[in-house]
């Protein structure tokens, strides 16, 4: 893999982050520094951590650490989406779509982490 930009999980998380920015424009103004800010940070944290991890010189512990942080942000997004739905800021349809996308991103990150751990383990043998 030459670049993080080639990773489907990066592309998918980047597109979802853009969508979250668009979607949160309709959130109430009083949430600007609360839920709106938090969901934007969590959404952008996923592709940013993937990029930063792959920006490291070699595949190893640092890459895995950043991918793990991206995975944590993915879990955080699941909760933030649920809050947004429960407070009436997301329709049920938007919530279902975004939650499914987020679950897919989480699974992709988990698979990538597992794959890189296996690769690292066989390289270090």
PDB file of N, CA and C in Angstrom:
ATOM      1  N   UNK A   1       0.852  -1.169   0.000  1.00  0.00           N
ATOM      2  CA  UNK A   1       0.000   0.000   0.000  1.00  0.00           C
ATOM      3  C   UNK A   1       0.900   1.234   0.000  1.00  0.00           C
ATOM      4  N   UNK A   2       0.765   2.040  -1.006  1.00  0.00           N
ATOM      5  CA  UNK A   2       1.589   3.243  -1.118  1.00  0.00           C
ATOM      6  C   UNK A   2       1.031   4.415  -0.324  1.00  0.00           C
ATOM      7  N   UNK A   3      -0.259   4.518  -0.240  1.00  0.00           N
ATOM      8  CA  UNK A   3      -0.849   5.694   0.379  1.00  0.00           C
ATOM      9  C   UNK A   3      -2.149   5.350   1.094  1.00  0.00           C
ATOM     10  N   UNK A   4      -2.400   6.078   2.162  1.00  0.00           N
ATOM     11  CA  UNK A   4      -3.670   5.933   2.876  1.00  0.00           C
ATOM     12  C   UNK A   4      -4.844   6.257   1.966  1.00  0.00           C
ATOM     13  N   UNK A   5      -4.625   7.100   0.967  1.00  0.00           N
ATOM     14  CA  UNK A   5      -5.693   7.501   0.048  1.00  0.00           C
ATOM     15  C   UNK A   5      -6.237   6.318  -0.760  1.00  0.00           C
ATOM     16  N   UNK A   6      -5.480   5.240  -0.837  1.00  0.00           N
ATOM     17  CA  UNK A   6      -5.914   4.051  -1.551  1.00  0.00           C
ATOM     18  C   UNK A   6      -6.823   3.156  -0.708  1.00  0.00           C
ATOM     19  N   UNK A   7      -6.866   3.395   0.579  1.00  0.00           N
ATOM     20  CA  UNK A   7      -7.654   2.558   1.478  1.00  0.00           C
ATOM     21  C   UNK A   7      -9.137   2.898   1.367  1.00  0.00           C
ATOM     22  N   UNK A   8      -9.950   1.885   1.174  1.00  0.00           N
ATOM     23  CA  UNK A   8     -11.397   2.084   1.097  1.00  0.00           C
ATOM     24  C   UNK A   8     -11.931   2.672   2.398  1.00  0.00           C
ATOM     25  N   UNK A   9     -11.386   2.251   3.531  1.00  0.00           N
ATOM     26  CA  UNK A   9     -11.845   2.768   4.816  1.00  0.00           C
ATOM     27  C   UNK A   9     -11.546   4.264   4.939  1.00  0.00           C
ATOM     28  N   UNK A  10     -10.431   4.700   4.398  1.00  0.00           N
ATOM     29  CA  UNK A  10     -10.131   6.136   4.411  1.00  0.00           C
ATOM     30  C   UNK A  10     -11.155   6.883   3.559  1.00  0.00           C
ATOM     31  N   UNK A  11     -11.370   6.395   2.344  1.00  0.00           N
ATOM     32  CA  UNK A  11     -12.308   7.056   1.428  1.00  0.00           C
ATOM     33  C   UNK A  11     -13.709   7.128   2.036  1.00  0.00           C
ATOM     34  N   UNK A  12     -14.145   6.021   2.622  1.00  0.00           N
ATOM     35  CA  UNK A  12     -15.495   5.950   3.200  1.00  0.00           C
ATOM     36  C   UNK A  12     -15.613   6.889   4.406  1.00  0.00           C
ATOM     37  N   UNK A  13     -14.607   6.902   5.263  1.00  0.00           N
ATOM     38  CA  UNK A  13     -14.665   7.763   6.454  1.00  0.00           C
ATOM     39  C   UNK A  13     -14.536   9.237   6.073  1.00  0.00           C
ATOM     40  N   UNK A  14     -13.773   9.541   5.049  1.00  0.00           N
ATOM     41  CA  UNK A  14     -13.639  10.922   4.580  1.00  0.00           C
ATOM     42  C   UNK A  14     -14.979  11.429   4.046  1.00  0.00           C
ATOM     43  N   UNK A  15     -15.640  10.604   3.253  1.00  0.00           N
ATOM     44  CA  UNK A  15     -16.941  10.993   2.702  1.00  0.00           C
ATOM     45  C   UNK A  15     -17.983  11.142   3.808  1.00  0.00           C
ATOM     46  N   UNK A  16     -17.931  10.249   4.795  1.00  0.00           N
ATOM     47  CA  UNK A  16     -18.896  10.384   5.881  1.00  0.00           C
ATOM     48  C   UNK A  16     -18.630  11.661   6.677  1.00  0.00           C
ATOM     49  N   UNK A  17     -17.381  12.002   6.910  1.00  0.00           N
ATOM     50  CA  UNK A  17     -17.068  13.232   7.638  1.00  0.00           C
ATOM     51  C   UNK A  17     -17.598  14.452   6.879  1.00  0.00           C
ATOM     52  N   UNK A  18     -17.442  14.453   5.576  1.00  0.00           N
ATOM     53  CA  UNK A  18     -18.002  15.564   4.783  1.00  0.00           C
ATOM     54  C   UNK A  18     -19.513  15.620   4.937  1.00  0.00           C
ATOM     55  N   UNK A  19     -20.154  14.472   4.907  1.00  0.00           N
ATOM     56  CA  UNK A  19     -21.600  14.411   5.068  1.00  0.00           C
ATOM     57  C   UNK A  19     -22.046  14.891   6.437  1.00  0.00           C
ATOM     58  N   UNK A  20     -21.273  14.569   7.471  1.00  0.00           N
ATOM     59  CA  UNK A  20     -21.593  15.017   8.833  1.00  0.00           C
ATOM     60  C   UNK A  20     -21.517  16.539   8.911  1.00  0.00           C
ATOM     61  N   UNK A  21     -20.522  17.120   8.279  1.00  0.00           N
ATOM     62  CA  UNK A  21     -20.420  18.583   8.272  1.00  0.00           C
ATOM     63  C   UNK A  21     -21.655  19.203   7.624  1.00  0.00           C
ATOM     64  N   UNK A  22     -22.079  18.625   6.528  1.00  0.00           N
ATOM     65  CA  UNK A  22     -23.268  19.128   5.830  1.00  0.00           C
ATOM     66  C   UNK A  22     -24.514  18.938   6.701  1.00  0.00           C
ATOM     67  N   UNK A  23     -24.663  17.770   7.253  1.00  0.00           N
ATOM     68  CA  UNK A  23     -25.840  17.434   8.041  1.00  0.00           C
ATOM     69  C   UNK A  23     -25.968  18.288   9.297  1.00  0.00           C
ATOM     70  N   UNK A  24     -24.857  18.561   9.974  1.00  0.00           N
ATOM     71  CA  UNK A  24     -24.920  19.289  11.241  1.00  0.00           C
ATOM     72  C   UNK A  24     -25.242  20.770  11.055  1.00  0.00           C
ATOM     73  N   UNK A  25     -25.264  21.236   9.835  1.00  0.00           N
ATOM     74  CA  UNK A  25     -25.696  22.621   9.600  1.00  0.00           C
ATOM     75  C   UNK A  25     -27.130  22.836  10.068  1.00  0.00           C
ATOM     76  N   UNK A  26     -27.907  21.757  10.092  1.00  0.00           N
ATOM     77  CA  UNK A  26     -29.309  21.874  10.504  1.00  0.00           C
ATOM     78  C   UNK A  26     -29.501  21.658  12.005  1.00  0.00           C
ATOM     79  N   UNK A  27     -28.430  21.327  12.732  1.00  0.00           N
ATOM     80  CA  UNK A  27     -28.546  21.158  14.178  1.00  0.00           C
ATOM     81  C   UNK A  27     -28.807  22.517  14.819  1.00  0.00           C
ATOM     82  N   UNK A  28     -29.454  22.541  15.965  1.00  0.00           N
ATOM     83  CA  UNK A  28     -29.749  23.814  16.634  1.00  0.00           C
ATOM     84  C   UNK A  28     -28.479  24.601  16.966  1.00  0.00           C
ATOM     85  N   UNK A  29     -28.592  25.914  16.930  1.00  0.00           N
ATOM     86  CA  UNK A  29     -27.451  26.788  17.227  1.00  0.00           C
ATOM     87  C   UNK A  29     -26.916  26.557  18.633  1.00  0.00           C
ATOM     88  N   UNK A  30     -27.804  26.241  19.580  1.00  0.00           N
ATOM     89  CA  UNK A  30     -27.336  26.035  20.959  1.00  0.00           C
ATOM     90  C   UNK A  30     -26.442  24.800  21.088  1.00  0.00           C
ATOM     91  N   UNK A  31     -26.424  23.941  20.068  1.00  0.00           N
ATOM     92  CA  UNK A  31     -25.550  22.761  20.065  1.00  0.00           C
ATOM     93  C   UNK A  31     -24.205  23.025  19.378  1.00  0.00           C
ATOM     94  N   UNK A  32     -23.991  24.232  18.909  1.00  0.00           N
ATOM     95  CA  UNK A  32     -22.780  24.562  18.153  1.00  0.00           C
ATOM     96  C   UNK A  32     -21.502  24.157  18.891  1.00  0.00           C
ATOM     97  N   UNK A  33     -21.459  24.403  20.198  1.00  0.00           N
ATOM     98  CA  UNK A  33     -20.259  24.081  20.967  1.00  0.00           C
ATOM     99  C   UNK A  33     -20.418  22.789  21.761  1.00  0.00           C
ATOM    100  N   UNK A  34     -21.499  22.106  21.553  1.00  0.00           N
ATOM    101  CA  UNK A  34     -21.757  20.844  22.237  1.00  0.00           C
ATOM    102  C   UNK A  34     -21.733  19.683  21.259  1.00  0.00           C
ATOM    103  N   UNK A  35     -22.890  19.126  21.031  1.00  0.00           N
ATOM    104  CA  UNK A  35     -23.015  17.932  20.193  1.00  0.00           C
ATOM    105  C   UNK A  35     -22.503  18.158  18.769  1.00  0.00           C
ATOM    106  N   UNK A  36     -22.795  19.306  18.189  1.00  0.00           N
ATOM    107  CA  UNK A  36     -22.360  19.584  16.814  1.00  0.00           C
ATOM    108  C   UNK A  36     -20.844  19.544  16.716  1.00  0.00           C
ATOM    109  N   UNK A  37     -20.190  20.217  17.633  1.00  0.00           N
ATOM    110  CA  UNK A  37     -18.730  20.252  17.638  1.00  0.00           C
ATOM    111  C   UNK A  37     -18.144  18.856  17.864  1.00  0.00           C
ATOM    112  N   UNK A  38     -18.717  18.129  18.804  1.00  0.00           N
ATOM    113  CA  UNK A  38     -18.201  16.806  19.146  1.00  0.00           C
ATOM    114  C   UNK A  38     -18.352  15.821  17.983  1.00  0.00           C
ATOM    115  N   UNK A  39     -19.489  15.829  17.323  1.00  0.00           N
ATOM    116  CA  UNK A  39     -19.698  14.874  16.233  1.00  0.00           C
ATOM    117  C   UNK A  39     -18.802  15.210  15.039  1.00  0.00           C
ATOM    118  N   UNK A  40     -18.569  16.502  14.809  1.00  0.00           N
ATOM    119  CA  UNK A  40     -17.646  16.897  13.728  1.00  0.00           C
ATOM    120  C   UNK A  40     -16.224  16.435  14.044  1.00  0.00           C
ATOM    121  N   UNK A  41     -15.802  16.630  15.290  1.00  0.00           N
ATOM    122  CA  UNK A  41     -14.442  16.217  15.673  1.00  0.00           C
ATOM    123  C   UNK A  41     -14.284  14.702  15.557  1.00  0.00           C
ATOM    124  N   UNK A  42     -15.274  13.959  16.021  1.00  0.00           N
ATOM    125  CA  UNK A  42     -15.187  12.494  15.947  1.00  0.00           C
ATOM    126  C   UNK A  42     -15.167  12.026  14.493  1.00  0.00           C
ATOM    127  N   UNK A  43     -16.013  12.638  13.665  1.00  0.00           N
ATOM    128  CA  UNK A  43     -16.086  12.240  12.251  1.00  0.00           C
ATOM    129  C   UNK A  43     -14.778  12.508  11.526  1.00  0.00           C
ATOM    130  N   UNK A  44     -14.181  13.670  11.768  1.00  0.00           N
ATOM    131  CA  UNK A  44     -12.924  13.998  11.073  1.00  0.00           C
ATOM    132  C   UNK A  44     -11.746  13.250  11.675  1.00  0.00           C
ATOM    133  N   UNK A  45     -11.855  12.861  12.933  1.00  0.00           N
ATOM    134  CA  UNK A  45     -10.768  12.142  13.588  1.00  0.00           C
ATOM    135  C   UNK A  45     -10.469  10.811  12.908  1.00  0.00           C
ATOM    136  N   UNK A  46     -11.471  10.185  12.343  1.00  0.00           N
ATOM    137  CA  UNK A  46     -11.268   8.868  11.726  1.00  0.00           C
ATOM    138  C   UNK A  46     -10.330   8.972  10.516  1.00  0.00           C
ATOM    139  N   UNK A  47     -10.661   9.745   9.469  1.00  0.00           N
ATOM    140  CA  UNK A  47      -9.723   9.811   8.346  1.00  0.00           C
ATOM    141  C   UNK A  47      -8.402  10.489   8.719  1.00  0.00           C
ATOM    142  N   UNK A  48      -8.436  11.441   9.653  1.00  0.00           N
ATOM    143  CA  UNK A  48      -7.191  12.097  10.065  1.00  0.00           C
ATOM    144  C   UNK A  48      -6.235  11.118  10.728  1.00  0.00           C
ATOM    145  N   UNK A  49      -6.760  10.250  11.598  1.00  0.00           N
ATOM    146  CA  UNK A  49      -5.886   9.272  12.253  1.00  0.00           C
ATOM    147  C   UNK A  49      -5.380   8.216  11.281  1.00  0.00           C
ATOM    148  N   UNK A  50      -6.205   7.849  10.319  1.00  0.00           N
ATOM    149  CA  UNK A  50      -5.733   6.909   9.285  1.00  0.00           C
ATOM    150  C   UNK A  50      -4.577   7.544   8.522  1.00  0.00           C
ATOM    151  N   UNK A  51      -4.752   8.785   8.106  1.00  0.00           N
ATOM    152  CA  UNK A  51      -3.702   9.484   7.352  1.00  0.00           C
ATOM    153  C   UNK A  51      -2.437   9.637   8.192  1.00  0.00           C
ATOM    154  N   UNK A  52      -2.582  10.040   9.442  1.00  0.00           N
ATOM    155  CA  UNK A  52      -1.409  10.236  10.290  1.00  0.00           C
ATOM    156  C   UNK A  52      -0.675   8.926  10.525  1.00  0.00           C
ATOM    157  N   UNK A  53      -1.428   7.860  10.755  1.00  0.00           N
ATOM    158  CA  UNK A  53      -0.804   6.555  10.952  1.00  0.00           C
ATOM    159  C   UNK A  53       0.002   6.123   9.733  1.00  0.00           C
ATOM    160  N   UNK A  54      -0.581   6.317   8.552  1.00  0.00           N
ATOM    161  CA  UNK A  54       0.116   5.930   7.330  1.00  0.00           C
ATOM    162  C   UNK A  54       1.222   6.893   6.968  1.00  0.00           C
ATOM    163  N   UNK A  55       1.204   8.071   7.582  1.00  0.00           N
ATOM    164  CA  UNK A  55       2.274   9.039   7.361  1.00  0.00           C
ATOM    165  C   UNK A  55       3.550   8.676   8.100  1.00  0.00           C
ATOM    166  N   UNK A  56       3.439   7.723   9.018  1.00  0.00           N
ATOM    167  CA  UNK A  56       4.621   7.282   9.745  1.00  0.00           C
ATOM    168  C   UNK A  56       5.508   6.491   8.790  1.00  0.00           C
ATOM    169  N   UNK A  57       6.764   6.454   9.092  1.00  0.00           N
ATOM    170  CA  UNK A  57       7.766   5.904   8.175  1.00  0.00           C
ATOM    171  C   UNK A  57       7.553   4.440   7.825  1.00  0.00           C
ATOM    172  N   UNK A  58       7.099   3.643   8.777  1.00  0.00           N
ATOM    173  CA  UNK A  58       6.958   2.219   8.490  1.00  0.00           C
ATOM    174  C   UNK A  58       5.751   1.650   9.208  1.00  0.00           C
ATOM    175  N   UNK A  59       5.288   0.525   8.705  1.00  0.00           N
ATOM    176  CA  UNK A  59       4.159  -0.135   9.350  1.00  0.00           C
ATOM    177  C   UNK A  59       4.667  -0.762  10.633  1.00  0.00           C
ATOM    178  N   UNK A  60       3.974  -0.485  11.694  1.00  0.00           N
ATOM    179  CA  UNK A  60       4.395  -1.004  12.989  1.00  0.00           C
ATOM    180  C   UNK A  60       3.488  -0.479  14.066  1.00  0.00           C
ATOM    181  N   UNK A  61       4.049  -0.350  15.249  1.00  0.00           N
ATOM    182  CA  UNK A  61       3.271   0.043  16.422  1.00  0.00           C
ATOM    183  C   UNK A  61       2.614   1.407  16.254  1.00  0.00           C
ATOM    184  N   UNK A  62       3.286   2.369  15.654  1.00  0.00           N
ATOM    185  CA  UNK A  62       2.717   3.710  15.492  1.00  0.00           C
ATOM    186  C   UNK A  62       1.496   3.694  14.576  1.00  0.00           C
ATOM    187  N   UNK A  63       1.592   2.977  13.491  1.00  0.00           N
ATOM    188  CA  UNK A  63       0.463   2.887  12.570  1.00  0.00           C
ATOM    189  C   UNK A  63      -0.718   2.241  13.279  1.00  0.00           C
ATOM    190  N   UNK A  64      -0.457   1.174  13.970  1.00  0.00           N
ATOM    191  CA  UNK A  64      -1.522   0.475  14.698  1.00  0.00           C
ATOM    192  C   UNK A  64      -2.126   1.358  15.779  1.00  0.00           C
ATOM    193  N   UNK A  65      -1.311   2.164  16.435  1.00  0.00           N
ATOM    194  CA  UNK A  65      -1.813   3.073  17.473  1.00  0.00           C
ATOM    195  C   UNK A  65      -2.787   4.079  16.876  1.00  0.00           C
ATOM    196  N   UNK A  66      -2.434   4.662  15.724  1.00  0.00           N
ATOM    197  CA  UNK A  66      -3.312   5.645  15.096  1.00  0.00           C
ATOM    198  C   UNK A  66      -4.573   4.990  14.531  1.00  0.00           C
ATOM    199  N   UNK A  67      -4.446   3.792  14.000  1.00  0.00           N
ATOM    200  CA  UNK A  67      -5.630   3.079  13.525  1.00  0.00           C
ATOM    201  C   UNK A  67      -6.542   2.717  14.696  1.00  0.00           C
ATOM    202  N   UNK A  68      -5.963   2.399  15.831  1.00  0.00           N
ATOM    203  CA  UNK A  68      -6.766   2.125  17.024  1.00  0.00           C
ATOM    204  C   UNK A  68      -7.501   3.377  17.481  1.00  0.00           C
ATOM    205  N   UNK A  69      -6.848   4.533  17.377  1.00  0.00           N
ATOM    206  CA  UNK A  69      -7.531   5.788  17.722  1.00  0.00           C
ATOM    207  C   UNK A  69      -8.673   6.058  16.745  1.00  0.00           C
ATOM    208  N   UNK A  70      -8.456   5.755  15.472  1.00  0.00           N
ATOM    209  CA  UNK A  70      -9.530   5.915  14.484  1.00  0.00           C
ATOM    210  C   UNK A  70     -10.692   4.996  14.830  1.00  0.00           C
ATOM    211  N   UNK A  71     -10.389   3.789  15.263  1.00  0.00           N
ATOM    212  CA  UNK A  71     -11.428   2.831  15.657  1.00  0.00           C
ATOM    213  C   UNK A  71     -12.199   3.352  16.866  1.00  0.00           C
ATOM    214  N   UNK A  72     -11.490   3.948  17.816  1.00  0.00           N
ATOM    215  CA  UNK A  72     -12.145   4.540  18.979  1.00  0.00           C
ATOM    216  C   UNK A  72     -13.074   5.677  18.574  1.00  0.00           C
ATOM    217  N   UNK A  73     -12.634   6.504  17.631  1.00  0.00           N
ATOM    218  CA  UNK A  73     -13.481   7.594  17.138  1.00  0.00           C
ATOM    219  C   UNK A  73     -14.699   7.056  16.413  1.00  0.00           C
ATOM    220  N   UNK A  74     -14.537   5.926  15.752  1.00  0.00           N
ATOM    221  CA  UNK A  74     -15.660   5.288  15.078  1.00  0.00           C
ATOM    222  C   UNK A  74     -16.715   4.851  16.098  1.00  0.00           C
ATOM    223  N   UNK A  75     -16.274   4.283  17.214  1.00  0.00           N
ATOM    224  CA  UNK A  75     -17.212   3.893  18.277  1.00  0.00           C
ATOM    225  C   UNK A  75     -17.875   5.132  18.869  1.00  0.00           C
ATOM    226  N   UNK A  76     -17.100   6.182  19.046  1.00  0.00           N
ATOM    227  CA  UNK A  76     -17.643   7.443  19.557  1.00  0.00           C
ATOM    228  C   UNK A  76     -18.725   7.975  18.616  1.00  0.00           C
ATOM    229  N   UNK A  77     -18.500   7.856  17.324  1.00  0.00           N
ATOM    230  CA  UNK A  77     -19.488   8.311  16.341  1.00  0.00           C
ATOM    231  C   UNK A  77     -20.808   7.567  16.489  1.00  0.00           C
ATOM    232  N   UNK A  78     -20.742   6.278  16.764  1.00  0.00           N
ATOM    233  CA  UNK A  78     -21.971   5.501  16.936  1.00  0.00           C
ATOM    234  C   UNK A  78     -22.829   6.086  18.061  1.00  0.00           C
ATOM    235  N   UNK A  79     -22.196   6.450  19.161  1.00  0.00           N
ATOM    236  CA  UNK A  79     -22.924   7.025  20.297  1.00  0.00           C
ATOM    237  C   UNK A  79     -23.446   8.421  19.941  1.00  0.00           C
ATOM    238  N   UNK A  80     -22.616   9.237  19.293  1.00  0.00           N
ATOM    239  CA  UNK A  80     -23.028  10.592  18.928  1.00  0.00           C
ATOM    240  C   UNK A  80     -24.188  10.586  17.939  1.00  0.00           C
ATOM    241  N   UNK A  81     -24.194   9.632  17.026  1.00  0.00           N
ATOM    242  CA  UNK A  81     -25.320   9.509  16.101  1.00  0.00           C
ATOM    243  C   UNK A  81     -26.599   9.152  16.850  1.00  0.00           C
ATOM    244  N   UNK A  82     -26.463   8.271  17.837  1.00  0.00           N
ATOM    245  CA  UNK A  82     -27.630   7.884  18.619  1.00  0.00           C
ATOM    246  C   UNK A  82     -28.159   9.070  19.431  1.00  0.00           C
ATOM    247  N   UNK A  83     -27.257   9.827  20.055  1.00  0.00           N
ATOM    248  CA  UNK A  83     -27.676  11.047  20.752  1.00  0.00           C
ATOM    249  C   UNK A  83     -28.416  11.984  19.800  1.00  0.00           C
ATOM    250  N   UNK A  84     -27.853  12.173  18.616  1.00  0.00           N
ATOM    251  CA  UNK A  84     -28.449  13.086  17.638  1.00  0.00           C
ATOM    252  C   UNK A  84     -29.859  12.646  17.263  1.00  0.00           C
ATOM    253  N   UNK A  85     -30.045  11.347  17.113  1.00  0.00           N
ATOM    254  CA  UNK A  85     -31.385  10.816  16.811  1.00  0.00           C
ATOM    255  C   UNK A  85     -32.322  11.014  17.999  1.00  0.00           C
ATOM    256  N   UNK A  86     -31.842  10.667  19.187  1.00  0.00           N
ATOM    257  CA  UNK A  86     -32.682  10.747  20.372  1.00  0.00           C
ATOM    258  C   UNK A  86     -33.119  12.174  20.695  1.00  0.00           C
ATOM    259  N   UNK A  87     -32.287  13.150  20.362  1.00  0.00           N
ATOM    260  CA  UNK A  87     -32.637  14.550  20.592  1.00  0.00           C
ATOM    261  C   UNK A  87     -33.438  15.134  19.430  1.00  0.00           C
ATOM    262  N   UNK A  88     -33.699  14.322  18.412  1.00  0.00           N
ATOM    263  CA  UNK A  88     -34.520  14.765  17.295  1.00  0.00           C
ATOM    264  C   UNK A  88     -33.771  15.565  16.238  1.00  0.00           C
ATOM    265  N   UNK A  89     -32.433  15.507  16.257  1.00  0.00           N
ATOM    266  CA  UNK A  89     -31.644  16.248  15.270  1.00  0.00           C
ATOM    267  C   UNK A  89     -31.428  15.445  13.999  1.00  0.00           C
ATOM    268  N   UNK A  90     -31.623  14.135  14.082  1.00  0.00           N
ATOM    269  CA  UNK A  90     -31.512  13.247  12.920  1.00  0.00           C
ATOM    270  C   UNK A  90     -32.831  12.508  12.748  1.00  0.00           C
ATOM    271  N   UNK A  91     -33.264  12.380  11.505  1.00  0.00           N
ATOM    272  CA  UNK A  91     -34.437  11.551  11.228  1.00  0.00           C
ATOM    273  C   UNK A  91     -34.043  10.086  11.424  1.00  0.00           C
ATOM    274  N   UNK A  92     -35.025   9.237  11.592  1.00  0.00           N
ATOM    275  CA  UNK A  92     -34.752   7.803  11.733  1.00  0.00           C
ATOM    276  C   UNK A  92     -34.024   7.264  10.511  1.00  0.00           C
ATOM    277  N   UNK A  93     -34.428   7.732   9.333  1.00  0.00           N
ATOM    278  CA  UNK A  93     -33.784   7.281   8.091  1.00  0.00           C
ATOM    279  C   UNK A  93     -32.326   7.695   8.023  1.00  0.00           C
ATOM    280  N   UNK A  94     -32.037   8.951   8.344  1.00  0.00           N
ATOM    281  CA  UNK A  94     -30.642   9.417   8.347  1.00  0.00           C
ATOM    282  C   UNK A  94     -29.824   8.656   9.384  1.00  0.00           C
ATOM    283  N   UNK A  95     -30.437   8.454  10.550  1.00  0.00           N
ATOM    284  CA  UNK A  95     -29.747   7.722  11.604  1.00  0.00           C
ATOM    285  C   UNK A  95     -29.407   6.301  11.156  1.00  0.00           C
ATOM    286  N   UNK A  96     -30.376   5.597  10.594  1.00  0.00           N
ATOM    287  CA  UNK A  96     -30.144   4.221  10.147  1.00  0.00           C
ATOM    288  C   UNK A  96     -29.038   4.158   9.100  1.00  0.00           C
ATOM    289  N   UNK A  97     -29.099   5.067   8.136  1.00  0.00           N
ATOM    290  CA  UNK A  97     -28.085   5.088   7.069  1.00  0.00           C
ATOM    291  C   UNK A  97     -26.693   5.381   7.643  1.00  0.00           C
ATOM    292  N   UNK A  98     -26.584   6.445   8.429  1.00  0.00           N
ATOM    293  CA  UNK A  98     -25.285   6.847   8.974  1.00  0.00           C
ATOM    294  C   UNK A  98     -24.743   5.809   9.946  1.00  0.00           C
ATOM    295  N   UNK A  99     -25.605   5.210  10.741  1.00  0.00           N
ATOM    296  CA  UNK A  99     -25.163   4.175  11.682  1.00  0.00           C
ATOM    297  C   UNK A  99     -24.623   2.954  10.953  1.00  0.00           C
ATOM    298  N   UNK A 100     -25.301   2.559   9.894  1.00  0.00           N
ATOM    299  CA  UNK A 100     -24.808   1.421   9.107  1.00  0.00           C
ATOM    300  C   UNK A 100     -23.464   1.741   8.461  1.00  0.00           C
ATOM    301  N   UNK A 101     -23.346   2.941   7.925  1.00  0.00           N
ATOM    302  CA  UNK A 101     -22.059   3.365   7.349  1.00  0.00           C
ATOM    303  C   UNK A 101     -20.969   3.324   8.422  1.00  0.00           C
ATOM    304  N   UNK A 102     -21.304   3.810   9.609  1.00  0.00           N
ATOM    305  CA  UNK A 102     -20.322   3.841  10.691  1.00  0.00           C
ATOM    306  C   UNK A 102     -19.940   2.448  11.134  1.00  0.00           C
ATOM    307  N   UNK A 103     -20.915   1.541  11.203  1.00  0.00           N
ATOM    308  CA  UNK A 103     -20.600   0.146  11.557  1.00  0.00           C
ATOM    309  C   UNK A 103     -19.661  -0.470  10.522  1.00  0.00           C
ATOM    310  N   UNK A 104     -19.891  -0.180   9.250  1.00  0.00           N
ATOM    311  CA  UNK A 104     -19.010  -0.692   8.198  1.00  0.00           C
ATOM    312  C   UNK A 104     -17.603  -0.132   8.351  1.00  0.00           C
ATOM    313  N   UNK A 105     -17.496   1.155   8.626  1.00  0.00           N
ATOM    314  CA  UNK A 105     -16.183   1.771   8.833  1.00  0.00           C
ATOM    315  C   UNK A 105     -15.482   1.103  10.015  1.00  0.00           C
ATOM    316  N   UNK A 106     -16.207   0.888  11.098  1.00  0.00           N
ATOM    317  CA  UNK A 106     -15.632   0.223  12.265  1.00  0.00           C
ATOM    318  C   UNK A 106     -15.129  -1.176  11.947  1.00  0.00           C
ATOM    319  N   UNK A 107     -15.915  -1.929  11.215  1.00  0.00           N
ATOM    320  CA  UNK A 107     -15.503  -3.285  10.826  1.00  0.00           C
ATOM    321  C   UNK A 107     -14.274  -3.240   9.920  1.00  0.00           C
ATOM    322  N   UNK A 108     -14.246  -2.287   9.011  1.00  0.00           N
ATOM    323  CA  UNK A 108     -13.097  -2.162   8.108  1.00  0.00           C
ATOM    324  C   UNK A 108     -11.833  -1.822   8.891  1.00  0.00           C
ATOM    325  N   UNK A 109     -11.958  -0.932   9.856  1.00  0.00           N
ATOM    326  CA  UNK A 109     -10.799  -0.575  10.687  1.00  0.00           C
ATOM    327  C   UNK A 109     -10.327  -1.772  11.500  1.00  0.00           C
ATOM    328  N   UNK A 110     -11.265  -2.510  12.070  1.00  0.00           N
ATOM    329  CA  UNK A 110     -10.918  -3.693  12.848  1.00  0.00           C
ATOM    330  C   UNK A 110     -10.180  -4.706  11.969  1.00  0.00           C
ATOM    331  N   UNK A 111     -10.675  -4.913  10.757  1.00  0.00           N
ATOM    332  CA  UNK A 111     -10.018  -5.837   9.836  1.00  0.00           C
ATOM    333  C   UNK A 111      -8.634  -5.366   9.428  1.00  0.00           C
ATOM    334  N   UNK A 112      -8.496  -4.068   9.184  1.00  0.00           N
ATOM    335  CA  UNK A 112      -7.188  -3.516   8.806  1.00  0.00           C
ATOM    336  C   UNK A 112      -6.201  -3.652   9.955  1.00  0.00           C
ATOM    337  N   UNK A 113      -6.640  -3.355  11.162  1.00  0.00           N
ATOM    338  CA  UNK A 113      -5.774  -3.501  12.337  1.00  0.00           C
ATOM    339  C   UNK A 113      -5.338  -4.950  12.494  1.00  0.00           C
ATOM    340  N   UNK A 114      -6.283  -5.863  12.389  1.00  0.00           N
ATOM    341  CA  UNK A 114      -5.972  -7.292  12.514  1.00  0.00           C
ATOM    342  C   UNK A 114      -4.963  -7.724  11.445  1.00  0.00           C
ATOM    343  N   UNK A 115      -5.203  -7.288  10.221  1.00  0.00           N
ATOM    344  CA  UNK A 115      -4.314  -7.643   9.113  1.00  0.00           C
ATOM    345  C   UNK A 115      -2.893  -7.109   9.330  1.00  0.00           C
ATOM    346  N   UNK A 116      -2.798  -5.868   9.768  1.00  0.00           N
ATOM    347  CA  UNK A 116      -1.473  -5.278  10.000  1.00  0.00           C
ATOM    348  C   UNK A 116      -0.768  -5.923  11.186  1.00  0.00           C
ATOM    349  N   UNK A 117      -1.517  -6.317  12.207  1.00  0.00           N
ATOM    350  CA  UNK A 117      -0.917  -7.014  13.350  1.00  0.00           C
ATOM    351  C   UNK A 117      -0.342  -8.346  12.894  1.00  0.00           C
ATOM    352  N   UNK A 118      -1.114  -9.055  12.054  1.00  0.00           N
ATOM    353  CA  UNK A 118      -0.627 -10.346  11.540  1.00  0.00           C
ATOM    354  C   UNK A 118       0.619 -10.148  10.685  1.00  0.00           C
ATOM    355  N   UNK A 119       0.596  -9.130   9.855  1.00  0.00           N
ATOM    356  CA  UNK A 119       1.743  -8.834   8.992  1.00  0.00           C
ATOM    357  C   UNK A 119       2.954  -8.480   9.822  1.00  0.00           C
ATOM    358  N   UNK A 120       2.752  -7.684  10.860  1.00  0.00           N
ATOM    359  CA  UNK A 120       3.843  -7.298  11.750  1.00  0.00           C
ATOM    360  C   UNK A 120       4.387  -8.514  12.488  1.00  0.00           C
ATOM    361  N   UNK A 121       3.491  -9.393  12.931  1.00  0.00           N
ATOM    362  CA  UNK A 121       3.914 -10.585  13.667  1.00  0.00           C
ATOM    363  C   UNK A 121       4.752 -11.511  12.801  1.00  0.00           C
ATOM    364  N   UNK A 122       4.349 -11.691  11.538  1.00  0.00           N
ATOM    365  CA  UNK A 122       5.110 -12.585  10.659  1.00  0.00           C
ATOM    366  C   UNK A 122       6.411 -11.938  10.200  1.00  0.00           C
ATOM    367  N   UNK A 123       6.478 -10.614  10.152  1.00  0.00           N
ATOM    368  CA  UNK A 123       7.689  -9.898   9.765  1.00  0.00           C
ATOM    369  C   UNK A 123       8.719  -9.964  10.880  1.00  0.00           C
ATOM    370  N   UNK A 124       8.243  -9.967  12.145  1.00  0.00           N
ATOM    371  CA  UNK A 124       9.128  -9.960  13.299  1.00  0.00           C
ATOM    372  C   UNK A 124       9.569 -11.353  13.728  1.00  0.00           C
ATOM    373  N   UNK A 125       9.139 -12.392  13.004  1.00  0.00           N
ATOM    374  CA  UNK A 125       9.482 -13.776  13.395  1.00  0.00           C
ATOM    375  C   UNK A 125      10.897 -14.088  13.039  1.00  0.00           C
TER     376      UNK A 125
END
